[in-house]
Amino acid sequence: MKNHRISPEKLKELEPEIKNWKEQYSNGVILISLVDDPVDVIAKVPSLHHMKEANSLKNEFDANKQLVLSCVLYPENFASVLEEKDTLSSPLATELVNAAGLLQERIVKKL
């Protein structure tokens, strides 16, 4: 897979745009870095509207992809990154939902 990391220099270059995004999206803007794949994205935290729109799709894979594509702000061509490896949508969607505060910490014990 091609490297899709955001370098510190690129992040510095994007600062004015990130500032604008923060003003535009009241839920916040986050940077997600995947550990197992060389992928970084800047995304807006999903609103309830984004969550409902994604959840209206029939299967979880399509819902995750829809949520990710509706929230990723950078890289702009993220759909082409998903074409390289479509399974990236699942961990990214999990982080987006977590950032929205819809997941709770859990303790699971085997009985």
Protein backbone atom coordinates (compact mmCIF):
# COMPACT_ATOMS: atom_id res chain seq x y z
CA MET A 1 0.00 0.00 0.00
CA LYS A 2 1.17 3.50 -0.86
CA ASN A 3 2.20 5.78 2.01
CA HIS A 4 -0.60 8.17 2.95
CA ARG A 5 0.98 9.69 6.06
CA ILE A 6 0.70 13.41 6.65
CA SER A 7 4.19 14.78 7.24
CA PRO A 8 4.79 17.42 9.94
CA GLU A 9 5.59 19.86 7.11
CA LYS A 10 2.28 19.14 5.36
CA LEU A 11 0.41 19.47 8.66
CA LYS A 12 2.04 22.89 9.16
CA GLU A 13 1.06 23.85 5.60
CA LEU A 14 -2.55 22.81 6.30
CA GLU A 15 -2.82 24.91 9.51
CA PRO A 16 -4.88 27.74 7.91
CA GLU A 17 -7.27 25.21 6.35
CA ILE A 18 -7.51 23.27 9.63
CA LYS A 19 -8.34 26.53 11.43
CA ASN A 20 -11.15 27.16 8.92
CA TRP A 21 -12.46 23.61 9.34
CA LYS A 22 -12.50 24.02 13.13
CA GLU A 23 -14.61 27.16 12.73
CA GLN A 24 -16.90 25.49 10.19
CA TYR A 25 -17.50 22.19 12.02
CA SER A 26 -18.69 22.73 15.58
CA ASN A 27 -18.26 19.06 16.57
CA GLY A 28 -14.51 19.36 16.00
CA VAL A 29 -11.77 18.25 13.66
CA ILE A 30 -9.47 15.31 14.38
CA LEU A 31 -6.37 13.62 12.99
CA ILE A 32 -6.58 9.83 12.79
CA SER A 33 -3.39 7.82 12.25
CA LEU A 34 -3.78 4.12 11.60
CA VAL A 35 -1.09 1.93 13.14
CA ASP A 36 -1.18 -1.08 10.82
CA ASP A 37 -1.44 0.88 7.55
CA PRO A 38 0.44 4.03 6.48
CA VAL A 39 -2.67 6.20 6.54
CA ASP A 40 -3.43 9.53 8.23
CA VAL A 41 -6.64 11.47 7.71
CA ILE A 42 -8.01 14.76 8.93
CA ALA A 43 -11.73 14.45 9.51
CA LYS A 44 -14.61 16.33 10.99
CA VAL A 45 -16.26 14.65 13.95
CA PRO A 46 -19.54 13.23 12.64
CA SER A 47 -22.82 14.85 13.52
CA LEU A 48 -25.97 12.93 14.32
CA HIS A 49 -27.04 13.61 10.71
CA HIS A 50 -23.91 11.88 9.37
CA MET A 51 -24.47 8.93 11.69
CA LYS A 52 -28.13 8.53 10.68
CA GLU A 53 -27.28 8.82 6.99
CA ALA A 54 -24.61 6.12 7.23
CA ASN A 55 -26.77 3.84 9.38
CA SER A 56 -29.58 3.99 6.84
CA LEU A 57 -27.50 1.75 4.54
CA LYS A 58 -28.24 -1.95 4.56
CA ASN A 59 -24.86 -3.37 5.56
CA GLU A 60 -22.17 -2.30 8.00
CA PHE A 61 -19.39 -2.15 5.40
CA ASP A 62 -21.31 0.35 3.25
CA ALA A 63 -22.33 2.32 6.34
CA ASN A 64 -18.70 2.59 7.48
CA LYS A 65 -17.57 3.67 4.04
CA GLN A 66 -20.33 6.30 3.81
CA LEU A 67 -19.48 7.70 7.24
CA VAL A 68 -15.77 7.91 6.42
CA LEU A 69 -16.30 9.53 3.03
CA SER A 70 -18.71 12.08 4.51
CA CYS A 71 -16.24 13.07 7.26
CA VAL A 72 -12.71 12.93 5.78
CA LEU A 73 -11.51 16.40 4.90
CA TYR A 74 -7.93 15.50 3.95
CA PRO A 75 -6.69 13.90 1.80
CA GLU A 76 -9.30 15.27 -0.58
CA ASN A 77 -9.15 12.19 -2.81
CA PHE A 78 -9.74 9.71 -0.01
CA ALA A 79 -12.13 7.63 -2.12
CA SER A 80 -9.12 6.60 -4.22
CA VAL A 81 -7.26 5.56 -1.05
CA LEU A 82 -10.23 3.34 -0.15
CA GLU A 83 -10.00 1.81 -3.61
CA GLU A 84 -6.46 0.70 -2.72
CA LYS A 85 -7.67 -0.97 0.48
CA ASP A 86 -11.39 -0.84 1.17
CA THR A 87 -11.05 -2.37 4.65
CA LEU A 88 -9.65 0.93 5.94
CA SER A 89 -13.18 2.25 6.35
CA SER A 90 -13.93 0.04 9.36
CA PRO A 91 -11.19 1.25 11.77
CA LEU A 92 -11.64 4.84 10.61
CA ALA A 93 -15.41 4.69 11.16
CA THR A 94 -14.83 3.27 14.65
CA GLU A 95 -12.57 6.21 15.51
CA LEU A 96 -15.08 8.69 14.10
CA VAL A 97 -17.92 7.22 16.15
CA ASN A 98 -15.66 7.22 19.22
CA ALA A 99 -14.76 10.88 18.65
CA ALA A 100 -18.48 11.69 18.44
CA GLY A 101 -18.87 10.31 21.96
CA LEU A 102 -21.21 7.51 20.95
CA LEU A 103 -19.06 4.66 22.23
CA GLN A 104 -18.58 3.98 25.90
CA GLU A 105 -15.65 2.39 27.65
CA ARG A 106 -16.48 -1.20 28.43
CA ILE A 107 -15.24 -3.82 30.82
CA VAL A 108 -15.87 -7.36 29.70
CA LYS A 109 -15.22 -10.31 31.98
CA LYS A 110 -15.38 -13.92 31.02
CA LEU A 111 -17.57 -15.79 33.51
